[in-house]
Every structure is written in C-alpha cells, then in structure tokens.
Amino acid sequence: MGAYLKAAVGALPGAGRLPFVAGGGGPLPDMELEETARAESDRVADYARVCGFRLRDELPPTYPHVLAFPLHMKLMTDRSFPFRAVGLVHVGNRIEVRRPLRLGEELDLSVRAHPSEGGFTILTEARVDGEPVWEEQSTMLRPGERSGRPPADTAGAQFVAQWRLPGDLGRRYAAVSRDRNPIHLHPLTAKPFGFSRPIAHGMWTKARCLAALEPLPDAFEVAVEFRKPILLPAQVEFERAGERFGVRSGDKVHLEGRLSR
C-alpha cells in the first residue's frame, strides 16, 4: 500500500483498530530506519530548477531531505506510530551541513522520532563512510496544537526579491521530491483539509530561500519556522537582515529563518 494511501486510510473513523494503520496513540516507538541512497544527477538537476538552486556538482543542502523522505513516511505510517500522518503540521526544520555533499556520493541515512511538545521531531542523519556529514530535525505538531515559539525579531529586514508562485507549484515540487501530500496538489484535494487552494510545501519554501542566499558556506546551520501556509498561486516577498531571513505577503509571515556558520 502506498505511503499516502496508507496515511489517508489512517484518517478514517475507527481506522486505528486496523492492524496495518498508524495513529492508535501511546508512546513513540523505539525505532530507527536505515537506508543507503545515492542521488541521481538528473533528479537533482530537476529539483534544483524547481527550487532555484544553481546547477553544480554538489547536492543542494536540502536534497538529503528528499532522499530520506520515503523513510519518514515509512516511519509515520508504521502500525506502532501513535500519530496519524494526515493532518500533522510541519512547524519547524533545522539542517546542519557539515561539509558540501558531492553528486555520486553514497549516503547512509538513518531516521528516528523523538517526542516534542505537542507532537514529535523526526531526526535524520546522513553519513559518508561512517562520517556524519548532514543532520536534520523536522518538528511536527498534532492537528489543533499551536507552536509556543515566539515570532523572530525582524527589525531591519530588507526587501530582497519578489516571487510569483504558480498554481501548479505543489505538483511540480511533488514530482521532484516525492512528497505528494494532497494539500499541495489541487484545490479539490486541499479542501478536505481546510484549505480553499493548495498550499506550497514548507520544504520548497525553505529550499527557495537557501537558493536565494547562494553562495552558501561549506558548513552551516539553517533553522526555519513555518508560520502561515502559502495558498497557491501567490506573490510573496523574500527579506533578509544579517543572518535572519523570511518570506511574507503583506502582513502575513509565512517563514522565518536563520542561517549561521
């Protein structure tokens, strides 16, 4: 059964009693999933074009998230996982890049979940020949929960660019990332989840910001908070103030981030 089909079944009333469906409650499982992956140059080039990265012989810093995403879904749809994947809200993402990752390198990926307030955090690590080279924390909240993190101080933020996001951006990003959550694909599939139009992927927005900040350091940490969804199509502004950056439309703040060396 496909990951999103399995997740959708888990959202049905009484589905928690089915033997193959997650969302039955209880503690997070003590589970670590592992896989070895190698990025394909054509897929990386397609991803770079959708997100605005320059084409080069290194992986975009967000691309290991794409390689690990099937493991994320496998974890969240496992019968022992206490939360239903459909309806979870991605509120924050932190990535640490320890060195540039080259095309053709074989990455040993590992994924596990830790509890956090109102939900959980997926921890992902990539190693090359046993050396940790990339790490990610993706924080998820249960439906109805609110992030307790205060807004960042954006005083002094300078307008950098205006982006026009087409209505099919969610489908384009889904094609290069394998993240086919229905809230991103079409108005008809977004409406059951409370959205009048599809919304942009949070990880596309983060990737687009990093592409706008190129050239990037060889080693850095970048953390973002996803504040308000971007309904597609949209026109948004990218801002920057020193290490801090953000995406907004008018008085709506969609993303706040910080890049540190």
C-alpha atoms as a PDB file:
ATOM      1  CA  MET A   1       0.000   0.000   0.000  1.00  0.00           C
ATOM      2  CA  GLY A   2       1.407   3.431  -0.973  1.00  0.00           C
ATOM      3  CA  ALA A   3       2.531   5.666   1.883  1.00  0.00           C
ATOM      4  CA  TYR A   4      -0.028   8.428   1.327  1.00  0.00           C
ATOM      5  CA  LEU A   5      -2.843   5.948   0.647  1.00  0.00           C
ATOM      6  CA  LYS A   6      -1.947   4.224   3.895  1.00  0.00           C
ATOM      7  CA  ALA A   7      -1.880   7.606   5.662  1.00  0.00           C
ATOM      8  CA  ALA A   8      -5.263   8.549   4.199  1.00  0.00           C
ATOM      9  CA  VAL A   9      -6.804   5.288   5.398  1.00  0.00           C
ATOM     10  CA  GLY A  10      -5.495   6.160   8.858  1.00  0.00           C
ATOM     11  CA  ALA A  11      -7.601   9.326   8.855  1.00  0.00           C
ATOM     12  CA  LEU A  12     -10.884   7.400   8.525  1.00  0.00           C
ATOM     13  CA  PRO A  13     -13.057   6.975  11.651  1.00  0.00           C
ATOM     14  CA  GLY A  14     -12.143   3.802  13.521  1.00  0.00           C
ATOM     15  CA  ALA A  15      -9.092   3.179  11.343  1.00  0.00           C
ATOM     16  CA  GLY A  16      -6.843   2.971  14.407  1.00  0.00           C
ATOM     17  CA  ARG A  17      -8.236  -0.503  15.061  1.00  0.00           C
ATOM     18  CA  LEU A  18      -6.946  -1.794  11.717  1.00  0.00           C
ATOM     19  CA  PRO A  19      -3.772  -3.894  12.088  1.00  0.00           C
ATOM     20  CA  PHE A  20      -1.794  -2.004   9.430  1.00  0.00           C
ATOM     21  CA  VAL A  21      -2.701   1.605  10.307  1.00  0.00           C
ATOM     22  CA  ALA A  22      -0.807   4.098  12.489  1.00  0.00           C
ATOM     23  CA  GLY A  23      -2.471   6.530  14.878  1.00  0.00           C
ATOM     24  CA  GLY A  24      -3.513   4.304  17.744  1.00  0.00           C
ATOM     25  CA  GLY A  25      -1.914   6.510  20.396  1.00  0.00           C
ATOM     26  CA  GLY A  26       0.701   5.669  23.004  1.00  0.00           C
ATOM     27  CA  PRO A  27       4.428   6.439  23.097  1.00  0.00           C
ATOM     28  CA  LEU A  28       6.637   6.877  20.078  1.00  0.00           C
ATOM     29  CA  PRO A  29       8.213   3.587  19.011  1.00  0.00           C
ATOM     30  CA  ASP A  30      11.878   2.950  19.721  1.00  0.00           C
ATOM     31  CA  MET A  31      12.554   2.512  16.034  1.00  0.00           C
ATOM     32  CA  GLU A  32      15.369   3.570  13.736  1.00  0.00           C
ATOM     33  CA  LEU A  33      15.097   3.092   9.985  1.00  0.00           C
ATOM     34  CA  GLU A  34      18.142   2.985   7.756  1.00  0.00           C
ATOM     35  CA  GLU A  35      18.806   3.064   4.045  1.00  0.00           C
ATOM     36  CA  THR A  36      21.687   3.739   1.693  1.00  0.00           C
ATOM     37  CA  ALA A  37      20.935   6.205  -1.097  1.00  0.00           C
ATOM     38  CA  ARG A  38      22.749   7.856  -3.962  1.00  0.00           C
ATOM     39  CA  ALA A  39      21.372  10.959  -5.662  1.00  0.00           C
ATOM     40  CA  GLU A  40      20.724  10.698  -9.401  1.00  0.00           C
ATOM     41  CA  SER A  41      22.141  13.665 -11.314  1.00  0.00           C
ATOM     42  CA  ASP A  42      19.042  14.115 -13.497  1.00  0.00           C
ATOM     43  CA  ARG A  43      16.708  14.167 -10.482  1.00  0.00           C
ATOM     44  CA  VAL A  44      18.976  16.603  -8.653  1.00  0.00           C
ATOM     45  CA  ALA A  45      19.006  18.900 -11.680  1.00  0.00           C
ATOM     46  CA  ASP A  46      15.189  18.825 -11.866  1.00  0.00           C
ATOM     47  CA  TYR A  47      14.967  19.582  -8.146  1.00  0.00           C
ATOM     48  CA  ALA A  48      17.458  22.438  -8.457  1.00  0.00           C
ATOM     49  CA  ARG A  49      15.446  24.025 -11.253  1.00  0.00           C
ATOM     50  CA  VAL A  50      12.150  23.863  -9.327  1.00  0.00           C
ATOM     51  CA  CYS A  51      13.749  25.344  -6.189  1.00  0.00           C
ATOM     52  CA  GLY A  52      16.015  27.904  -7.869  1.00  0.00           C
ATOM     53  CA  PHE A  53      19.416  26.410  -6.981  1.00  0.00           C
ATOM     54  CA  ARG A  54      22.396  26.793  -9.275  1.00  0.00           C
ATOM     55  CA  LEU A  55      23.366  23.641 -11.164  1.00  0.00           C
ATOM     56  CA  ARG A  56      26.689  22.285  -9.931  1.00  0.00           C
ATOM     57  CA  ASP A  57      28.371  19.040  -8.868  1.00  0.00           C
ATOM     58  CA  GLU A  58      27.186  19.362  -5.255  1.00  0.00           C
ATOM     59  CA  LEU A  59      23.847  18.469  -3.733  1.00  0.00           C
ATOM     60  CA  PRO A  60      21.558  21.335  -2.712  1.00  0.00           C
ATOM     61  CA  PRO A  61      21.671  21.439   1.110  1.00  0.00           C
ATOM     62  CA  THR A  62      18.007  20.408   1.359  1.00  0.00           C
ATOM     63  CA  TYR A  63      18.291  17.444  -1.030  1.00  0.00           C
ATOM     64  CA  PRO A  64      19.151  14.791   1.584  1.00  0.00           C
ATOM     65  CA  HIS A  65      15.669  15.515   2.997  1.00  0.00           C
ATOM     66  CA  VAL A  66      14.275  14.329  -0.344  1.00  0.00           C
ATOM     67  CA  LEU A  67      16.388  11.166  -0.215  1.00  0.00           C
ATOM     68  CA  ALA A  68      15.231  10.442   3.348  1.00  0.00           C
ATOM     69  CA  PHE A  69      11.564  11.318   2.797  1.00  0.00           C
ATOM     70  CA  PRO A  70      10.472   7.736   1.981  1.00  0.00           C
ATOM     71  CA  LEU A  71      11.925   6.689   5.348  1.00  0.00           C
ATOM     72  CA  HIS A  72       9.966   9.494   7.054  1.00  0.00           C
ATOM     73  CA  MET A  73       6.744   8.177   5.533  1.00  0.00           C
ATOM     74  CA  LYS A  74       7.598   4.573   6.359  1.00  0.00           C
ATOM     75  CA  LEU A  75       8.152   5.596   9.985  1.00  0.00           C
ATOM     76  CA  MET A  76       4.972   7.674  10.290  1.00  0.00           C
ATOM     77  CA  THR A  77       2.763   5.011   8.707  1.00  0.00           C
ATOM     78  CA  ASP A  78       4.120   2.104  10.740  1.00  0.00           C
ATOM     79  CA  ARG A  79       1.422   0.425  12.832  1.00  0.00           C
ATOM     80  CA  SER A  80       3.308   1.266  16.029  1.00  0.00           C
ATOM     81  CA  PHE A  81       3.421   5.004  15.313  1.00  0.00           C
ATOM     82  CA  PRO A  82       0.991   6.817  17.659  1.00  0.00           C
ATOM     83  CA  PHE A  83       0.066   9.743  15.374  1.00  0.00           C
ATOM     84  CA  ARG A  84      -1.859   9.791  12.120  1.00  0.00           C
ATOM     85  CA  ALA A  85       0.283  11.210   9.334  1.00  0.00           C
ATOM     86  CA  VAL A  86      -2.621  13.008   7.632  1.00  0.00           C
ATOM     87  CA  GLY A  87      -3.260  16.338   9.342  1.00  0.00           C
ATOM     88  CA  LEU A  88       0.128  16.701  11.022  1.00  0.00           C
ATOM     89  CA  VAL A  89       1.517  20.248  10.812  1.00  0.00           C
ATOM     90  CA  HIS A  90       5.175  20.800   9.903  1.00  0.00           C
ATOM     91  CA  VAL A  91       6.162  23.789  12.061  1.00  0.00           C
ATOM     92  CA  GLY A  92       9.940  23.817  12.055  1.00  0.00           C
ATOM     93  CA  ASN A  93      13.005  22.439  10.301  1.00  0.00           C
ATOM     94  CA  ARG A  94      16.690  22.654  11.185  1.00  0.00           C
ATOM     95  CA  ILE A  95      19.500  21.415   8.952  1.00  0.00           C
ATOM     96  CA  GLU A  96      23.188  21.226   9.780  1.00  0.00           C
ATOM     97  CA  VAL A  97      25.542  20.872   6.823  1.00  0.00           C
ATOM     98  CA  ARG A  98      28.996  19.775   7.948  1.00  0.00           C
ATOM     99  CA  ARG A  99      30.567  19.803   4.509  1.00  0.00           C
ATOM    100  CA  PRO A 100      29.386  20.015   0.890  1.00  0.00           C
ATOM    101  CA  LEU A 101      27.892  16.764  -0.393  1.00  0.00           C
ATOM    102  CA  ARG A 102      29.078  15.765  -3.845  1.00  0.00           C
ATOM    103  CA  LEU A 103      26.992  14.213  -6.581  1.00  0.00           C
ATOM    104  CA  GLY A 104      27.578  10.472  -6.690  1.00  0.00           C
ATOM    105  CA  GLU A 105      28.416  10.099  -3.003  1.00  0.00           C
ATOM    106  CA  GLU A 106      26.692   7.198  -1.271  1.00  0.00           C
ATOM    107  CA  LEU A 107      24.787   8.408   1.790  1.00  0.00           C
ATOM    108  CA  ASP A 108      23.927   6.134   4.702  1.00  0.00           C
ATOM    109  CA  LEU A 109      20.656   7.573   6.027  1.00  0.00           C
ATOM    110  CA  SER A 110      19.064   6.955   9.416  1.00  0.00           C
ATOM    111  CA  VAL A 111      15.699   8.218  10.685  1.00  0.00           C
ATOM    112  CA  ARG A 112      14.082   8.122  14.122  1.00  0.00           C
ATOM    113  CA  ALA A 113      11.477  10.118  16.059  1.00  0.00           C
ATOM    114  CA  HIS A 114      11.724  11.859  19.431  1.00  0.00           C
ATOM    115  CA  PRO A 115       8.840  13.356  21.406  1.00  0.00           C
ATOM    116  CA  SER A 116       8.446  17.132  21.485  1.00  0.00           C
ATOM    117  CA  GLU A 117       5.808  19.436  22.942  1.00  0.00           C
ATOM    118  CA  GLY A 118       2.533  18.936  21.092  1.00  0.00           C
ATOM    119  CA  GLY A 119       3.948  16.345  18.721  1.00  0.00           C
ATOM    120  CA  PHE A 120       7.314  14.898  17.740  1.00  0.00           C
ATOM    121  CA  THR A 121      10.556  15.608  15.903  1.00  0.00           C
ATOM    122  CA  ILE A 122      11.978  13.414  13.160  1.00  0.00           C
ATOM    123  CA  LEU A 123      15.766  13.208  13.388  1.00  0.00           C
ATOM    124  CA  THR A 124      17.583  12.363  10.165  1.00  0.00           C
ATOM    125  CA  GLU A 125      21.309  11.808   9.752  1.00  0.00           C
ATOM    126  CA  ALA A 126      23.424  11.231   6.661  1.00  0.00           C
ATOM    127  CA  ARG A 127      26.871   9.630   6.857  1.00  0.00           C
ATOM    128  CA  VAL A 128      29.576   9.014   4.276  1.00  0.00           C
ATOM    129  CA  ASP A 129      31.980   6.190   5.147  1.00  0.00           C
ATOM    130  CA  GLY A 130      30.847   6.445   8.768  1.00  0.00           C
ATOM    131  CA  GLU A 131      31.392  10.224   8.961  1.00  0.00           C
ATOM    132  CA  PRO A 132      28.339  12.378   9.878  1.00  0.00           C
ATOM    133  CA  VAL A 133      28.018  14.953   7.105  1.00  0.00           C
ATOM    134  CA  TRP A 134      24.393  16.200   7.340  1.00  0.00           C
ATOM    135  CA  GLU A 135      21.706  16.300  10.032  1.00  0.00           C
ATOM    136  CA  GLU A 136      18.064  17.402  10.108  1.00  0.00           C
ATOM    137  CA  GLN A 137      15.347  17.928  12.696  1.00  0.00           C
ATOM    138  CA  SER A 138      11.760  18.234  11.399  1.00  0.00           C
ATOM    139  CA  THR A 139       9.241  19.208  14.067  1.00  0.00           C
ATOM    140  CA  MET A 140       5.613  18.149  13.642  1.00  0.00           C
ATOM    141  CA  LEU A 141       2.517  19.103  15.663  1.00  0.00           C
ATOM    142  CA  ARG A 142      -0.767  17.272  16.081  1.00  0.00           C
ATOM    143  CA  PRO A 143      -3.791  18.972  14.460  1.00  0.00           C
ATOM    144  CA  GLY A 144      -5.111  21.756  16.688  1.00  0.00           C
ATOM    145  CA  GLU A 145      -1.826  22.238  18.555  1.00  0.00           C
ATOM    146  CA  ARG A 146      -0.038  25.567  18.386  1.00  0.00           C
ATOM    147  CA  SER A 147       3.664  26.265  18.384  1.00  0.00           C
ATOM    148  CA  GLY A 148       4.791  28.023  21.548  1.00  0.00           C
ATOM    149  CA  ARG A 149       7.752  29.623  19.813  1.00  0.00           C
ATOM    150  CA  PRO A 150       7.595  33.427  19.687  1.00  0.00           C
ATOM    151  CA  PRO A 151       7.976  35.273  16.382  1.00  0.00           C
ATOM    152  CA  ALA A 152      11.506  36.294  15.491  1.00  0.00           C
ATOM    153  CA  ASP A 153      12.671  39.893  15.667  1.00  0.00           C
ATOM    154  CA  THR A 154      12.610  41.041  12.037  1.00  0.00           C
ATOM    155  CA  ALA A 155      13.579  44.656  12.692  1.00  0.00           C
ATOM    156  CA  GLY A 156      15.869  45.899   9.947  1.00  0.00           C
ATOM    157  CA  ALA A 157      14.781  43.280   7.412  1.00  0.00           C
ATOM    158  CA  GLN A 158      15.496  44.409   3.853  1.00  0.00           C
ATOM    159  CA  PHE A 159      13.395  43.521   0.817  1.00  0.00           C
ATOM    160  CA  VAL A 160      15.452  41.290  -1.473  1.00  0.00           C
ATOM    161  CA  ALA A 161      13.112  39.817  -4.054  1.00  0.00           C
ATOM    162  CA  GLN A 162       9.517  39.204  -5.027  1.00  0.00           C
ATOM    163  CA  TRP A 163       8.485  35.712  -6.093  1.00  0.00           C
ATOM    164  CA  ARG A 164       5.417  34.787  -8.141  1.00  0.00           C
ATOM    165  CA  LEU A 165       4.403  31.236  -7.272  1.00  0.00           C
ATOM    166  CA  PRO A 166       2.248  29.439  -9.870  1.00  0.00           C
ATOM    167  CA  GLY A 167      -0.806  27.394  -9.011  1.00  0.00           C
ATOM    168  CA  ASP A 168       0.904  24.161 -10.057  1.00  0.00           C
ATOM    169  CA  LEU A 169       3.991  24.695  -7.874  1.00  0.00           C
ATOM    170  CA  GLY A 170       2.874  21.986  -5.450  1.00  0.00           C
ATOM    171  CA  ARG A 171       2.602  19.435  -8.249  1.00  0.00           C
ATOM    172  CA  ARG A 172       5.956  20.481  -9.688  1.00  0.00           C
ATOM    173  CA  TYR A 173       7.682  20.153  -6.328  1.00  0.00           C
ATOM    174  CA  ALA A 174       5.917  16.843  -5.633  1.00  0.00           C
ATOM    175  CA  ALA A 175       7.328  15.456  -8.875  1.00  0.00           C
ATOM    176  CA  VAL A 176      10.933  16.167  -7.806  1.00  0.00           C
ATOM    177  CA  SER A 177      10.592  15.484  -4.064  1.00  0.00           C
ATOM    178  CA  ARG A 178       8.129  12.541  -3.916  1.00  0.00           C
ATOM    179  CA  ASP A 179       6.150  14.489  -1.278  1.00  0.00           C
ATOM    180  CA  ARG A 180       2.667  14.044  -2.727  1.00  0.00           C
ATOM    181  CA  ASN A 181       0.640  15.214   0.246  1.00  0.00           C
ATOM    182  CA  PRO A 182      -2.799  16.082  -1.232  1.00  0.00           C
ATOM    183  CA  ILE A 183      -2.886  19.503   0.460  1.00  0.00           C
ATOM    184  CA  HIS A 184      -0.212  20.633  -2.021  1.00  0.00           C
ATOM    185  CA  LEU A 185      -1.616  19.251  -5.259  1.00  0.00           C
ATOM    186  CA  HIS A 186      -5.019  20.615  -6.241  1.00  0.00           C
ATOM    187  CA  PRO A 187      -7.924  22.668  -4.818  1.00  0.00           C
ATOM    188  CA  LEU A 188     -10.137  19.562  -4.723  1.00  0.00           C
ATOM    189  CA  THR A 189      -7.609  17.579  -2.674  1.00  0.00           C
ATOM    190  CA  ALA A 190      -6.743  20.516  -0.410  1.00  0.00           C
ATOM    191  CA  LYS A 191     -10.333  21.385   0.568  1.00  0.00           C
ATOM    192  CA  PRO A 192     -10.947  18.325   2.800  1.00  0.00           C
ATOM    193  CA  PHE A 193      -8.065  19.599   4.958  1.00  0.00           C
ATOM    194  CA  GLY A 194      -9.467  23.110   5.338  1.00  0.00           C
ATOM    195  CA  PHE A 195      -7.669  24.923   2.504  1.00  0.00           C
ATOM    196  CA  SER A 196      -9.505  26.681  -0.309  1.00  0.00           C
ATOM    197  CA  ARG A 197      -6.463  26.252  -2.567  1.00  0.00           C
ATOM    198  CA  PRO A 198      -3.372  24.044  -2.498  1.00  0.00           C
ATOM    199  CA  ILE A 199      -0.531  25.287  -0.310  1.00  0.00           C
ATOM    200  CA  ALA A 200       3.188  25.444  -1.036  1.00  0.00           C
ATOM    201  CA  HIS A 201       5.396  22.793   0.533  1.00  0.00           C
ATOM    202  CA  GLY A 202       7.253  24.184   3.526  1.00  0.00           C
ATOM    203  CA  MET A 203      10.445  22.469   2.379  1.00  0.00           C
ATOM    204  CA  TRP A 204      10.128  24.094  -1.053  1.00  0.00           C
ATOM    205  CA  THR A 205       9.916  27.488   0.656  1.00  0.00           C
ATOM    206  CA  LYS A 206      12.996  26.723   2.739  1.00  0.00           C
ATOM    207  CA  ALA A 207      14.896  25.463  -0.298  1.00  0.00           C
ATOM    208  CA  ARG A 208      13.927  28.550  -2.313  1.00  0.00           C
ATOM    209  CA  CYS A 209      15.247  30.787   0.466  1.00  0.00           C
ATOM    210  CA  LEU A 210      18.572  28.940   0.542  1.00  0.00           C
ATOM    211  CA  ALA A 211      18.827  29.207  -3.231  1.00  0.00           C
ATOM    212  CA  ALA A 212      18.359  32.975  -2.873  1.00  0.00           C
ATOM    213  CA  LEU A 213      21.185  33.057  -0.316  1.00  0.00           C
ATOM    214  CA  GLU A 214      23.734  31.354  -2.578  1.00  0.00           C
ATOM    215  CA  PRO A 215      26.708  31.125  -2.478  1.00  0.00           C
ATOM    216  CA  LEU A 216      26.429  29.294   0.835  1.00  0.00           C
ATOM    217  CA  PRO A 217      29.241  28.452   3.283  1.00  0.00           C
ATOM    218  CA  ASP A 218      30.786  24.974   3.143  1.00  0.00           C
ATOM    219  CA  ALA A 219      29.496  24.286   6.660  1.00  0.00           C
ATOM    220  CA  PHE A 220      26.483  25.959   8.258  1.00  0.00           C
ATOM    221  CA  GLU A 221      23.251  25.525  10.186  1.00  0.00           C
ATOM    222  CA  VAL A 222      19.908  26.806   8.936  1.00  0.00           C
ATOM    223  CA  ALA A 223      16.736  26.725  11.021  1.00  0.00           C
ATOM    224  CA  VAL A 224      13.287  27.880   9.954  1.00  0.00           C
ATOM    225  CA  GLU A 225       9.835  28.233  11.478  1.00  0.00           C
ATOM    226  CA  PHE A 226       6.822  27.745   9.211  1.00  0.00           C
ATOM    227  CA  ARG A 227       4.264  30.339  10.348  1.00  0.00           C
ATOM    228  CA  LYS A 228       1.381  30.604   7.869  1.00  0.00           C
ATOM    229  CA  PRO A 229       0.754  28.476   4.771  1.00  0.00           C
ATOM    230  CA  ILE A 230       1.159  29.993   1.310  1.00  0.00           C
ATOM    231  CA  LEU A 231      -2.015  29.498  -0.733  1.00  0.00           C
ATOM    232  CA  LEU A 232      -1.208  28.946  -4.411  1.00  0.00           C
ATOM    233  CA  PRO A 233      -0.979  30.819  -6.680  1.00  0.00           C
ATOM    234  CA  ALA A 234       0.701  33.568  -4.694  1.00  0.00           C
ATOM    235  CA  GLN A 235       3.026  36.555  -4.753  1.00  0.00           C
ATOM    236  CA  VAL A 236       5.425  36.705  -1.809  1.00  0.00           C
ATOM    237  CA  GLU A 237       8.419  38.766  -0.721  1.00  0.00           C
ATOM    238  CA  PHE A 238      11.797  37.453   0.407  1.00  0.00           C
ATOM    239  CA  GLU A 239      13.541  39.554   3.086  1.00  0.00           C
ATOM    240  CA  ARG A 240      16.905  39.425   4.811  1.00  0.00           C
ATOM    241  CA  ALA A 241      18.533  41.053   7.838  1.00  0.00           C
ATOM    242  CA  GLY A 242      22.036  39.732   8.545  1.00  0.00           C
ATOM    243  CA  GLU A 243      21.749  36.047   9.468  1.00  0.00           C
ATOM    244  CA  ARG A 244      17.953  36.228   9.512  1.00  0.00           C
ATOM    245  CA  PHE A 245      15.632  35.881   6.535  1.00  0.00           C
ATOM    246  CA  GLY A 246      11.941  35.438   5.917  1.00  0.00           C
ATOM    247  CA  VAL A 247       9.074  35.130   3.469  1.00  0.00           C
ATOM    248  CA  ARG A 248       5.931  37.223   3.773  1.00  0.00           C
ATOM    249  CA  SER A 249       2.975  38.569   1.813  1.00  0.00           C
ATOM    250  CA  GLY A 250       1.760  41.877   3.200  1.00  0.00           C
ATOM    251  CA  ASP A 251       1.439  41.479   6.966  1.00  0.00           C
ATOM    252  CA  LYS A 252       1.359  37.653   6.778  1.00  0.00           C
ATOM    253  CA  VAL A 253       4.623  35.994   7.752  1.00  0.00           C
ATOM    254  CA  HIS A 254       4.992  32.606   6.099  1.00  0.00           C
ATOM    255  CA  LEU A 255       8.545  31.638   7.087  1.00  0.00           C
ATOM    256  CA  GLU A 256      11.187  32.925   9.483  1.00  0.00           C
ATOM    257  CA  GLY A 257      14.724  31.594   9.311  1.00  0.00           C
ATOM    258  CA  ARG A 258      18.285  31.999  10.436  1.00  0.00           C
ATOM    259  CA  LEU A 259      21.497  30.837   8.793  1.00  0.00           C
ATOM    260  CA  SER A 260      24.599  30.626  10.975  1.00  0.00           C
ATOM    261  CA  ARG A 261      28.120  29.432  10.231  1.00  0.00           C
END
